[in-house]
């Protein structure tokens, strides 16, 4: 990157979860964490080049939000793949580079775990978050990891979407990229000589970042012992957490500024329609972080959102 333009990103809009059965995934997250499906883009054929796939694809997506609702909470975009079919398995090795887990904040860990396990989740690891407090990682019934943490300000009776956890190869390479996108530091933590996410005697550096308009975080983890390895999967129809979207004021303006500054994008901006929803046509484009995690610029005005009722 030659230089850094004005950071454009204001908030997370959605985290894409790729699957072969939208209804089953939505049902689990409604039962386990109280998410609510608000809108759905039904299965339909479209041009696969938007997602880097040659030819026509058949896909659709449902958008589920936590108890705060769609004008406050980011959503889980549960994308069902029909053609091409979904490939591979969700990432389960915490040292593997890429999108690892969706995190929820709860006020009562026992009640939250009872509810999630009754819905079909299994406990993978129990421990303490690097920033303090209980942290339990689950596997949902489809193999995707979910972090549950006790967090100040969490609602005792409902989970709040809290973070997206990503393993990176090198924090010092990743941080300038995330800063250029608009992320600011919340806190940095080092963990050494303890079990982390099931890895014994781990040495991990953890950075919490957030965007200016919300409390939802990205939690970047670089593993030193054992070392982070690999890259985020490339095909858009890979199972599990695949990409994420952030809101910007003007996609085409940000794209031009970033390209002029030496940033690389997957493709030029395109205008897209979410069939079957009330969302107006949007200009979007995609770029990857240094480890290949896809981020999507989505043009959404600030007035489309409300203040967070949790006050966080």
C-alpha atoms as a PDB file:
ATOM      1  CA  UNK A   1       0.000   0.000   0.000  1.00  0.00           C
ATOM      2  CA  UNK A   2       1.468   3.318  -1.079  1.00  0.00           C
ATOM      3  CA  UNK A   3      -0.523   5.452   1.361  1.00  0.00           C
ATOM      4  CA  UNK A   4      -3.679   5.326   3.455  1.00  0.00           C
ATOM      5  CA  UNK A   5      -6.839   7.167   2.380  1.00  0.00           C
ATOM      6  CA  UNK A   6      -9.559   8.349   4.761  1.00  0.00           C
ATOM      7  CA  UNK A   7     -10.714   5.239   6.701  1.00  0.00           C
ATOM      8  CA  UNK A   8     -14.216   4.497   5.356  1.00  0.00           C
ATOM      9  CA  UNK A   9     -15.666   1.724   7.544  1.00  0.00           C
ATOM     10  CA  UNK A  10     -18.170   2.665  10.266  1.00  0.00           C
ATOM     11  CA  UNK A  11     -19.764  -0.560  11.477  1.00  0.00           C
ATOM     12  CA  UNK A  12     -20.180  -4.269  10.766  1.00  0.00           C
ATOM     13  CA  UNK A  13     -23.268  -5.110   8.731  1.00  0.00           C
ATOM     14  CA  UNK A  14     -23.122  -8.901   8.581  1.00  0.00           C
ATOM     15  CA  UNK A  15     -20.964 -11.992   8.995  1.00  0.00           C
ATOM     16  CA  UNK A  16     -21.466 -14.506   6.172  1.00  0.00           C
ATOM     17  CA  UNK A  17     -22.029 -18.122   7.252  1.00  0.00           C
ATOM     18  CA  UNK A  18     -21.971 -20.568   4.303  1.00  0.00           C
ATOM     19  CA  UNK A  19     -24.080 -23.713   4.575  1.00  0.00           C
ATOM     20  CA  UNK A  20     -26.226 -26.174   2.635  1.00  0.00           C
ATOM     21  CA  UNK A  21     -29.386 -25.694   4.722  1.00  0.00           C
ATOM     22  CA  UNK A  22     -30.345 -22.148   5.719  1.00  0.00           C
ATOM     23  CA  UNK A  23     -33.409 -23.232   7.687  1.00  0.00           C
ATOM     24  CA  UNK A  24     -31.408 -25.598   9.898  1.00  0.00           C
ATOM     25  CA  UNK A  25     -28.732 -23.002  10.711  1.00  0.00           C
ATOM     26  CA  UNK A  26     -31.270 -20.245  11.389  1.00  0.00           C
ATOM     27  CA  UNK A  27     -33.291 -22.580  13.607  1.00  0.00           C
ATOM     28  CA  UNK A  28     -30.226 -23.367  15.717  1.00  0.00           C
ATOM     29  CA  UNK A  29     -29.215 -19.730  16.246  1.00  0.00           C
ATOM     30  CA  UNK A  30     -32.775 -18.728  17.085  1.00  0.00           C
ATOM     31  CA  UNK A  31     -33.029 -21.455  19.724  1.00  0.00           C
ATOM     32  CA  UNK A  32     -29.471 -21.201  21.038  1.00  0.00           C
ATOM     33  CA  UNK A  33     -28.925 -17.434  21.136  1.00  0.00           C
ATOM     34  CA  UNK A  34     -32.290 -15.821  20.496  1.00  0.00           C
ATOM     35  CA  UNK A  35     -31.419 -14.489  17.041  1.00  0.00           C
ATOM     36  CA  UNK A  36     -34.372 -13.588  14.830  1.00  0.00           C
ATOM     37  CA  UNK A  37     -34.593 -13.888  11.078  1.00  0.00           C
ATOM     38  CA  UNK A  38     -35.677 -10.503   9.727  1.00  0.00           C
ATOM     39  CA  UNK A  39     -35.349 -10.884   5.959  1.00  0.00           C
ATOM     40  CA  UNK A  40     -34.496 -13.460   3.320  1.00  0.00           C
ATOM     41  CA  UNK A  41     -33.076 -13.360  -0.174  1.00  0.00           C
ATOM     42  CA  UNK A  42     -34.613 -16.561  -1.622  1.00  0.00           C
ATOM     43  CA  UNK A  43     -32.710 -19.155  -3.630  1.00  0.00           C
ATOM     44  CA  UNK A  44     -32.193 -17.799  -7.138  1.00  0.00           C
ATOM     45  CA  UNK A  45     -29.722 -17.951 -10.038  1.00  0.00           C
ATOM     46  CA  UNK A  46     -27.212 -15.110 -10.376  1.00  0.00           C
ATOM     47  CA  UNK A  47     -23.872 -14.190 -11.918  1.00  0.00           C
ATOM     48  CA  UNK A  48     -21.166 -15.974  -9.952  1.00  0.00           C
ATOM     49  CA  UNK A  49     -18.465 -13.523 -10.997  1.00  0.00           C
ATOM     50  CA  UNK A  50     -19.590 -11.197  -8.189  1.00  0.00           C
ATOM     51  CA  UNK A  51     -18.160 -13.773  -5.763  1.00  0.00           C
ATOM     52  CA  UNK A  52     -15.261 -14.883  -7.956  1.00  0.00           C
ATOM     53  CA  UNK A  53     -17.007 -17.960  -9.401  1.00  0.00           C
ATOM     54  CA  UNK A  54     -17.247 -18.518 -13.166  1.00  0.00           C
ATOM     55  CA  UNK A  55     -20.731 -18.914 -14.633  1.00  0.00           C
ATOM     56  CA  UNK A  56     -24.124 -18.992 -12.958  1.00  0.00           C
ATOM     57  CA  UNK A  57     -24.634 -19.833  -9.305  1.00  0.00           C
ATOM     58  CA  UNK A  58     -27.783 -20.725  -7.365  1.00  0.00           C
ATOM     59  CA  UNK A  59     -27.776 -19.385  -3.837  1.00  0.00           C
ATOM     60  CA  UNK A  60     -29.820 -17.470  -1.288  1.00  0.00           C
ATOM     61  CA  UNK A  61     -29.431 -15.990   2.178  1.00  0.00           C
ATOM     62  CA  UNK A  62     -31.347 -15.257   5.371  1.00  0.00           C
ATOM     63  CA  UNK A  63     -30.344 -12.444   7.757  1.00  0.00           C
ATOM     64  CA  UNK A  64     -30.695 -12.994  11.518  1.00  0.00           C
ATOM     65  CA  UNK A  65     -30.167 -10.339  14.218  1.00  0.00           C
ATOM     66  CA  UNK A  66     -29.881 -10.360  17.993  1.00  0.00           C
ATOM     67  CA  UNK A  67     -32.520  -8.878  20.333  1.00  0.00           C
ATOM     68  CA  UNK A  68     -31.469  -5.280  19.527  1.00  0.00           C
ATOM     69  CA  UNK A  69     -32.827  -5.582  15.992  1.00  0.00           C
ATOM     70  CA  UNK A  70     -31.599  -4.873  12.453  1.00  0.00           C
ATOM     71  CA  UNK A  71     -30.950  -1.163  12.897  1.00  0.00           C
ATOM     72  CA  UNK A  72     -28.542  -1.797  15.784  1.00  0.00           C
ATOM     73  CA  UNK A  73     -27.182  -5.351  15.685  1.00  0.00           C
ATOM     74  CA  UNK A  74     -25.001  -6.723  12.909  1.00  0.00           C
ATOM     75  CA  UNK A  75     -26.498  -9.833  11.349  1.00  0.00           C
ATOM     76  CA  UNK A  76     -25.497 -13.367  10.578  1.00  0.00           C
ATOM     77  CA  UNK A  77     -26.000 -13.759   6.830  1.00  0.00           C
ATOM     78  CA  UNK A  78     -26.738 -17.465   6.446  1.00  0.00           C
ATOM     79  CA  UNK A  79     -25.975 -18.213   2.804  1.00  0.00           C
ATOM     80  CA  UNK A  80     -27.196 -21.490   1.331  1.00  0.00           C
ATOM     81  CA  UNK A  81     -25.298 -22.937  -1.630  1.00  0.00           C
ATOM     82  CA  UNK A  82     -27.111 -25.100  -4.174  1.00  0.00           C
ATOM     83  CA  UNK A  83     -24.890 -24.695  -7.256  1.00  0.00           C
ATOM     84  CA  UNK A  84     -22.020 -25.036  -6.854  1.00  0.00           C
ATOM     85  CA  UNK A  85     -22.483 -27.113  -3.753  1.00  0.00           C
ATOM     86  CA  UNK A  86     -20.750 -26.242  -0.507  1.00  0.00           C
ATOM     87  CA  UNK A  87     -17.217 -27.577  -0.047  1.00  0.00           C
ATOM     88  CA  UNK A  88     -14.820 -28.386   2.828  1.00  0.00           C
ATOM     89  CA  UNK A  89     -15.523 -28.090   6.564  1.00  0.00           C
ATOM     90  CA  UNK A  90     -15.593 -25.086   8.912  1.00  0.00           C
ATOM     91  CA  UNK A  91     -12.235 -24.180  10.460  1.00  0.00           C
ATOM     92  CA  UNK A  92     -11.748 -26.046  13.741  1.00  0.00           C
ATOM     93  CA  UNK A  93      -7.999 -25.666  14.373  1.00  0.00           C
ATOM     94  CA  UNK A  94      -7.617 -22.382  16.340  1.00  0.00           C
ATOM     95  CA  UNK A  95      -4.092 -21.868  14.958  1.00  0.00           C
ATOM     96  CA  UNK A  96      -5.310 -22.037  11.340  1.00  0.00           C
ATOM     97  CA  UNK A  97      -5.356 -18.586   9.737  1.00  0.00           C
ATOM     98  CA  UNK A  98      -8.835 -17.311   8.876  1.00  0.00           C
ATOM     99  CA  UNK A  99     -12.272 -16.558  10.317  1.00  0.00           C
ATOM    100  CA  UNK A 100     -12.557 -18.753  13.389  1.00  0.00           C
ATOM    101  CA  UNK A 101     -15.670 -17.978  15.420  1.00  0.00           C
ATOM    102  CA  UNK A 102     -18.626 -15.714  15.993  1.00  0.00           C
ATOM    103  CA  UNK A 103     -18.738 -14.398  19.562  1.00  0.00           C
ATOM    104  CA  UNK A 104     -21.761 -13.709  21.785  1.00  0.00           C
ATOM    105  CA  UNK A 105     -21.874 -11.793  25.062  1.00  0.00           C
ATOM    106  CA  UNK A 106     -24.164 -13.144  27.784  1.00  0.00           C
ATOM    107  CA  UNK A 107     -24.996 -12.169  31.339  1.00  0.00           C
ATOM    108  CA  UNK A 108     -25.439 -15.697  32.710  1.00  0.00           C
ATOM    109  CA  UNK A 109     -23.049 -18.297  31.341  1.00  0.00           C
ATOM    110  CA  UNK A 110     -24.806 -21.362  32.760  1.00  0.00           C
ATOM    111  CA  UNK A 111     -28.195 -20.426  31.336  1.00  0.00           C
ATOM    112  CA  UNK A 112     -26.610 -19.534  27.984  1.00  0.00           C
ATOM    113  CA  UNK A 113     -24.775 -22.855  27.761  1.00  0.00           C
ATOM    114  CA  UNK A 114     -27.825 -24.857  28.821  1.00  0.00           C
ATOM    115  CA  UNK A 115     -29.841 -23.170  26.081  1.00  0.00           C
ATOM    116  CA  UNK A 116     -27.175 -23.590  23.377  1.00  0.00           C
ATOM    117  CA  UNK A 117     -26.465 -27.224  24.238  1.00  0.00           C
ATOM    118  CA  UNK A 118     -30.181 -28.038  24.301  1.00  0.00           C
ATOM    119  CA  UNK A 119     -30.323 -26.666  20.742  1.00  0.00           C
ATOM    120  CA  UNK A 120     -27.518 -28.990  19.624  1.00  0.00           C
ATOM    121  CA  UNK A 121     -24.211 -27.240  20.439  1.00  0.00           C
ATOM    122  CA  UNK A 122     -21.295 -29.036  22.075  1.00  0.00           C
ATOM    123  CA  UNK A 123     -18.689 -27.505  24.383  1.00  0.00           C
ATOM    124  CA  UNK A 124     -15.187 -27.468  22.872  1.00  0.00           C
ATOM    125  CA  UNK A 125     -13.266 -25.484  25.495  1.00  0.00           C
ATOM    126  CA  UNK A 126     -13.736 -23.614  28.772  1.00  0.00           C
ATOM    127  CA  UNK A 127     -11.357 -20.959  29.997  1.00  0.00           C
ATOM    128  CA  UNK A 128     -10.771 -17.289  30.631  1.00  0.00           C
ATOM    129  CA  UNK A 129     -10.821 -14.589  27.967  1.00  0.00           C
ATOM    130  CA  UNK A 130      -7.498 -12.760  27.496  1.00  0.00           C
ATOM    131  CA  UNK A 131      -9.268  -9.592  28.693  1.00  0.00           C
ATOM    132  CA  UNK A 132     -10.779 -11.394  31.714  1.00  0.00           C
ATOM    133  CA  UNK A 133     -14.041 -13.199  32.411  1.00  0.00           C
ATOM    134  CA  UNK A 134     -15.432 -16.577  31.453  1.00  0.00           C
ATOM    135  CA  UNK A 135     -14.975 -17.757  27.873  1.00  0.00           C
ATOM    136  CA  UNK A 136     -16.509 -20.953  26.474  1.00  0.00           C
ATOM    137  CA  UNK A 137     -16.115 -22.043  22.869  1.00  0.00           C
ATOM    138  CA  UNK A 138     -18.821 -24.231  21.356  1.00  0.00           C
ATOM    139  CA  UNK A 139     -19.221 -26.130  18.134  1.00  0.00           C
ATOM    140  CA  UNK A 140     -22.622 -25.585  16.564  1.00  0.00           C
ATOM    141  CA  UNK A 141     -24.316 -28.689  15.079  1.00  0.00           C
ATOM    142  CA  UNK A 142     -22.664 -27.968  11.710  1.00  0.00           C
ATOM    143  CA  UNK A 143     -19.077 -27.626  12.954  1.00  0.00           C
ATOM    144  CA  UNK A 144     -18.762 -23.837  13.095  1.00  0.00           C
ATOM    145  CA  UNK A 145     -17.196 -22.431  16.255  1.00  0.00           C
ATOM    146  CA  UNK A 146     -19.028 -20.033  18.573  1.00  0.00           C
ATOM    147  CA  UNK A 147     -17.444 -18.089  21.452  1.00  0.00           C
ATOM    148  CA  UNK A 148     -19.600 -17.290  24.488  1.00  0.00           C
ATOM    149  CA  UNK A 149     -18.254 -14.743  26.963  1.00  0.00           C
ATOM    150  CA  UNK A 150     -19.618 -13.096  30.080  1.00  0.00           C
ATOM    151  CA  UNK A 151     -19.501  -9.389  29.332  1.00  0.00           C
ATOM    152  CA  UNK A 152     -20.306  -6.206  31.207  1.00  0.00           C
ATOM    153  CA  UNK A 153     -23.629  -4.785  30.089  1.00  0.00           C
ATOM    154  CA  UNK A 154     -24.866  -8.067  28.606  1.00  0.00           C
ATOM    155  CA  UNK A 155     -28.536  -8.894  28.933  1.00  0.00           C
ATOM    156  CA  UNK A 156     -29.108 -11.752  31.400  1.00  0.00           C
ATOM    157  CA  UNK A 157     -31.882 -13.193  29.258  1.00  0.00           C
ATOM    158  CA  UNK A 158     -30.561 -12.644  25.711  1.00  0.00           C
ATOM    159  CA  UNK A 159     -27.246 -12.953  23.900  1.00  0.00           C
ATOM    160  CA  UNK A 160     -25.656  -9.989  22.142  1.00  0.00           C
ATOM    161  CA  UNK A 161     -23.435 -10.395  19.094  1.00  0.00           C
ATOM    162  CA  UNK A 162     -20.047  -9.383  20.473  1.00  0.00           C
ATOM    163  CA  UNK A 163     -17.129 -10.250  18.193  1.00  0.00           C
ATOM    164  CA  UNK A 164     -15.676 -11.983  15.185  1.00  0.00           C
ATOM    165  CA  UNK A 165     -12.523 -13.950  16.036  1.00  0.00           C
ATOM    166  CA  UNK A 166      -9.858 -14.240  13.336  1.00  0.00           C
ATOM    167  CA  UNK A 167      -6.480 -15.977  13.454  1.00  0.00           C
ATOM    168  CA  UNK A 168      -3.795 -13.970  11.657  1.00  0.00           C
ATOM    169  CA  UNK A 169      -0.283 -14.870  10.529  1.00  0.00           C
ATOM    170  CA  UNK A 170       1.320 -11.661  11.795  1.00  0.00           C
ATOM    171  CA  UNK A 171      -0.346  -8.886  13.802  1.00  0.00           C
ATOM    172  CA  UNK A 172       2.197  -6.272  12.761  1.00  0.00           C
ATOM    173  CA  UNK A 173       1.265  -6.913   9.126  1.00  0.00           C
ATOM    174  CA  UNK A 174      -2.486  -7.015   9.811  1.00  0.00           C
ATOM    175  CA  UNK A 175      -2.805  -3.947  12.048  1.00  0.00           C
ATOM    176  CA  UNK A 176      -1.917  -1.272   9.447  1.00  0.00           C
ATOM    177  CA  UNK A 177      -4.499  -2.798   7.107  1.00  0.00           C
ATOM    178  CA  UNK A 178      -7.223  -2.811   9.751  1.00  0.00           C
ATOM    179  CA  UNK A 179      -6.312   0.720  10.826  1.00  0.00           C
ATOM    180  CA  UNK A 180      -6.589   1.859   7.221  1.00  0.00           C
ATOM    181  CA  UNK A 181     -10.061   0.324   7.066  1.00  0.00           C
ATOM    182  CA  UNK A 182     -11.179   2.371  10.084  1.00  0.00           C
ATOM    183  CA  UNK A 183     -10.668   0.002  13.028  1.00  0.00           C
ATOM    184  CA  UNK A 184      -9.399   1.410  16.317  1.00  0.00           C
ATOM    185  CA  UNK A 185      -7.689  -0.455  19.149  1.00  0.00           C
ATOM    186  CA  UNK A 186      -9.724  -1.525  22.175  1.00  0.00           C
ATOM    187  CA  UNK A 187      -6.995  -3.466  23.984  1.00  0.00           C
ATOM    188  CA  UNK A 188      -4.019  -5.746  23.433  1.00  0.00           C
ATOM    189  CA  UNK A 189      -3.220  -8.843  25.469  1.00  0.00           C
ATOM    190  CA  UNK A 190      -0.506 -11.474  25.635  1.00  0.00           C
ATOM    191  CA  UNK A 191      -1.197 -14.999  26.857  1.00  0.00           C
ATOM    192  CA  UNK A 192       1.672 -17.364  27.607  1.00  0.00           C
ATOM    193  CA  UNK A 193       2.018 -20.691  29.376  1.00  0.00           C
ATOM    194  CA  UNK A 194      -1.714 -21.356  29.625  1.00  0.00           C
ATOM    195  CA  UNK A 195      -4.189 -23.511  27.749  1.00  0.00           C
ATOM    196  CA  UNK A 196      -5.951 -21.437  25.100  1.00  0.00           C
ATOM    197  CA  UNK A 197      -8.808 -22.858  23.021  1.00  0.00           C
ATOM    198  CA  UNK A 198      -7.627 -26.362  23.837  1.00  0.00           C
ATOM    199  CA  UNK A 199      -3.973 -25.719  22.954  1.00  0.00           C
ATOM    200  CA  UNK A 200      -1.718 -26.463  25.965  1.00  0.00           C
ATOM    201  CA  UNK A 201       1.175 -24.109  26.873  1.00  0.00           C
ATOM    202  CA  UNK A 202       0.127 -21.675  24.187  1.00  0.00           C
ATOM    203  CA  UNK A 203       1.727 -18.327  23.483  1.00  0.00           C
ATOM    204  CA  UNK A 204      -0.740 -15.964  21.789  1.00  0.00           C
ATOM    205  CA  UNK A 205      -0.918 -12.247  21.083  1.00  0.00           C
ATOM    206  CA  UNK A 206      -4.488 -10.894  21.002  1.00  0.00           C
ATOM    207  CA  UNK A 207      -5.708  -7.569  19.642  1.00  0.00           C
ATOM    208  CA  UNK A 208      -9.283  -6.295  20.064  1.00  0.00           C
ATOM    209  CA  UNK A 209     -10.438  -3.733  17.483  1.00  0.00           C
ATOM    210  CA  UNK A 210     -13.736  -2.001  16.764  1.00  0.00           C
ATOM    211  CA  UNK A 211     -15.273   0.367  14.245  1.00  0.00           C
ATOM    212  CA  UNK A 212     -16.418   3.868  15.284  1.00  0.00           C
ATOM    213  CA  UNK A 213     -20.197   3.380  15.241  1.00  0.00           C
ATOM    214  CA  UNK A 214     -20.632   0.246  17.376  1.00  0.00           C
ATOM    215  CA  UNK A 215     -19.286  -1.998  20.123  1.00  0.00           C
ATOM    216  CA  UNK A 216     -19.001  -5.169  17.988  1.00  0.00           C
ATOM    217  CA  UNK A 217     -15.332  -6.159  17.797  1.00  0.00           C
ATOM    218  CA  UNK A 218     -12.921  -8.074  15.629  1.00  0.00           C
ATOM    219  CA  UNK A 219     -10.572 -10.138  17.814  1.00  0.00           C
ATOM    220  CA  UNK A 220      -7.299 -10.834  16.009  1.00  0.00           C
ATOM    221  CA  UNK A 221      -5.129 -13.652  17.403  1.00  0.00           C
ATOM    222  CA  UNK A 222      -1.559 -14.374  16.360  1.00  0.00           C
ATOM    223  CA  UNK A 223      -0.241 -17.701  17.612  1.00  0.00           C
ATOM    224  CA  UNK A 224       3.481 -17.872  18.378  1.00  0.00           C
ATOM    225  CA  UNK A 225       3.447 -21.298  20.080  1.00  0.00           C
ATOM    226  CA  UNK A 226       2.316 -23.166  18.100  1.00  0.00           C
ATOM    227  CA  UNK A 227       2.617 -20.803  15.140  1.00  0.00           C
ATOM    228  CA  UNK A 228      -0.331 -19.529  13.133  1.00  0.00           C
ATOM    229  CA  UNK A 229      -0.397 -21.343   9.797  1.00  0.00           C
ATOM    230  CA  UNK A 230      -2.153 -21.369   6.431  1.00  0.00           C
ATOM    231  CA  UNK A 231      -4.448 -18.794   4.842  1.00  0.00           C
ATOM    232  CA  UNK A 232      -8.179 -18.155   4.848  1.00  0.00           C
ATOM    233  CA  UNK A 233     -10.031 -20.365   2.321  1.00  0.00           C
ATOM    234  CA  UNK A 234     -10.462 -18.913  -1.165  1.00  0.00           C
ATOM    235  CA  UNK A 235     -13.683 -20.398  -2.660  1.00  0.00           C
ATOM    236  CA  UNK A 236     -16.800 -18.413  -1.735  1.00  0.00           C
ATOM    237  CA  UNK A 237     -18.772 -21.646  -1.242  1.00  0.00           C
ATOM    238  CA  UNK A 238     -16.503 -22.880   1.584  1.00  0.00           C
ATOM    239  CA  UNK A 239     -18.413 -24.123   4.644  1.00  0.00           C
ATOM    240  CA  UNK A 240     -18.603 -22.001   7.770  1.00  0.00           C
ATOM    241  CA  UNK A 241     -17.684 -18.370   8.369  1.00  0.00           C
ATOM    242  CA  UNK A 242     -16.367 -16.983   5.106  1.00  0.00           C
ATOM    243  CA  UNK A 243     -16.563 -13.178   4.714  1.00  0.00           C
ATOM    244  CA  UNK A 244     -17.864 -10.068   6.438  1.00  0.00           C
ATOM    245  CA  UNK A 245     -19.411  -6.764   5.367  1.00  0.00           C
ATOM    246  CA  UNK A 246     -18.828  -3.257   6.697  1.00  0.00           C
ATOM    247  CA  UNK A 247     -20.877  -0.134   6.063  1.00  0.00           C
ATOM    248  CA  UNK A 248     -19.353   2.814   4.180  1.00  0.00           C
ATOM    249  CA  UNK A 249     -20.758   6.169   3.090  1.00  0.00           C
ATOM    250  CA  UNK A 250     -19.988   5.789  -0.625  1.00  0.00           C
ATOM    251  CA  UNK A 251     -18.592   2.531  -1.994  1.00  0.00           C
ATOM    252  CA  UNK A 252     -17.400   3.961  -5.319  1.00  0.00           C
ATOM    253  CA  UNK A 253     -15.660   6.932  -3.713  1.00  0.00           C
ATOM    254  CA  UNK A 254     -13.904   4.707  -1.161  1.00  0.00           C
ATOM    255  CA  UNK A 255     -12.934   2.271  -3.895  1.00  0.00           C
ATOM    256  CA  UNK A 256     -11.339   4.996  -6.013  1.00  0.00           C
ATOM    257  CA  UNK A 257      -9.500   6.489  -3.023  1.00  0.00           C
ATOM    258  CA  UNK A 258      -8.181   3.093  -1.950  1.00  0.00           C
ATOM    259  CA  UNK A 259      -7.100   2.077  -5.457  1.00  0.00           C
ATOM    260  CA  UNK A 260      -5.278   5.399  -5.877  1.00  0.00           C
ATOM    261  CA  UNK A 261      -3.522   4.682  -2.573  1.00  0.00           C
ATOM    262  CA  UNK A 262      -2.341   1.271  -3.790  1.00  0.00           C
ATOM    263  CA  UNK A 263      -4.906  -1.025  -2.164  1.00  0.00           C
ATOM    264  CA  UNK A 264      -6.022  -4.094  -4.109  1.00  0.00           C
ATOM    265  CA  UNK A 265      -9.637  -5.187  -4.623  1.00  0.00           C
ATOM    266  CA  UNK A 266     -11.102  -8.403  -5.970  1.00  0.00           C
ATOM    267  CA  UNK A 267     -13.261  -6.559  -8.511  1.00  0.00           C
ATOM    268  CA  UNK A 268     -14.667  -3.116  -9.276  1.00  0.00           C
ATOM    269  CA  UNK A 269     -17.827  -1.995  -7.412  1.00  0.00           C
ATOM    270  CA  UNK A 270     -21.156  -3.366  -8.593  1.00  0.00           C
ATOM    271  CA  UNK A 271     -24.737  -2.459  -7.857  1.00  0.00           C
ATOM    272  CA  UNK A 272     -26.689  -5.410  -6.472  1.00  0.00           C
ATOM    273  CA  UNK A 273     -30.289  -6.163  -5.564  1.00  0.00           C
ATOM    274  CA  UNK A 274     -31.340  -8.248  -2.571  1.00  0.00           C
ATOM    275  CA  UNK A 275     -34.368  -9.921  -4.109  1.00  0.00           C
ATOM    276  CA  UNK A 276     -37.242 -10.513  -1.724  1.00  0.00           C
ATOM    277  CA  UNK A 277     -36.144  -7.866   0.778  1.00  0.00           C
ATOM    278  CA  UNK A 278     -36.957  -4.211   1.405  1.00  0.00           C
ATOM    279  CA  UNK A 279     -33.268  -3.248   1.275  1.00  0.00           C
ATOM    280  CA  UNK A 280     -32.616  -0.812  -1.603  1.00  0.00           C
ATOM    281  CA  UNK A 281     -30.084  -1.671  -4.309  1.00  0.00           C
ATOM    282  CA  UNK A 282     -26.544  -1.265  -2.966  1.00  0.00           C
ATOM    283  CA  UNK A 283     -23.103  -0.612  -4.376  1.00  0.00           C
ATOM    284  CA  UNK A 284     -20.646  -3.210  -3.076  1.00  0.00           C
ATOM    285  CA  UNK A 285     -17.062  -4.330  -3.636  1.00  0.00           C
ATOM    286  CA  UNK A 286     -14.668  -6.791  -2.033  1.00  0.00           C
ATOM    287  CA  UNK A 287     -11.096  -6.652  -0.747  1.00  0.00           C
ATOM    288  CA  UNK A 288      -9.041  -9.105   1.311  1.00  0.00           C
ATOM    289  CA  UNK A 289      -7.091  -8.560   4.512  1.00  0.00           C
ATOM    290  CA  UNK A 290      -3.414  -9.669   4.475  1.00  0.00           C
ATOM    291  CA  UNK A 291      -4.450 -13.264   5.260  1.00  0.00           C
ATOM    292  CA  UNK A 292      -7.119 -13.491   2.554  1.00  0.00           C
ATOM    293  CA  UNK A 293     -10.182 -12.819   4.748  1.00  0.00           C
ATOM    294  CA  UNK A 294     -12.728 -11.122   2.434  1.00  0.00           C
ATOM    295  CA  UNK A 295     -14.239  -7.808   3.524  1.00  0.00           C
ATOM    296  CA  UNK A 296     -17.149  -6.252   1.665  1.00  0.00           C
ATOM    297  CA  UNK A 297     -17.805  -2.521   1.370  1.00  0.00           C
ATOM    298  CA  UNK A 298     -21.579  -1.968   1.439  1.00  0.00           C
ATOM    299  CA  UNK A 299     -23.014   1.503   0.884  1.00  0.00           C
ATOM    300  CA  UNK A 300     -25.386   2.157   3.784  1.00  0.00           C
ATOM    301  CA  UNK A 301     -26.173   5.629   5.206  1.00  0.00           C
ATOM    302  CA  UNK A 302     -25.687   6.365   8.894  1.00  0.00           C
ATOM    303  CA  UNK A 303     -29.345   7.358   9.237  1.00  0.00           C
ATOM    304  CA  UNK A 304     -30.291   3.709   8.595  1.00  0.00           C
ATOM    305  CA  UNK A 305     -29.132   2.850  12.131  1.00  0.00           C
ATOM    306  CA  UNK A 306     -30.198   3.610  15.715  1.00  0.00           C
ATOM    307  CA  UNK A 307     -28.132   4.034  18.881  1.00  0.00           C
ATOM    308  CA  UNK A 308     -27.289   0.843  20.754  1.00  0.00           C
ATOM    309  CA  UNK A 309     -29.784   0.484  23.656  1.00  0.00           C
ATOM    310  CA  UNK A 310     -27.130  -1.286  25.748  1.00  0.00           C
ATOM    311  CA  UNK A 311     -25.163   1.968  25.797  1.00  0.00           C
ATOM    312  CA  UNK A 312     -21.973   0.105  24.798  1.00  0.00           C
END
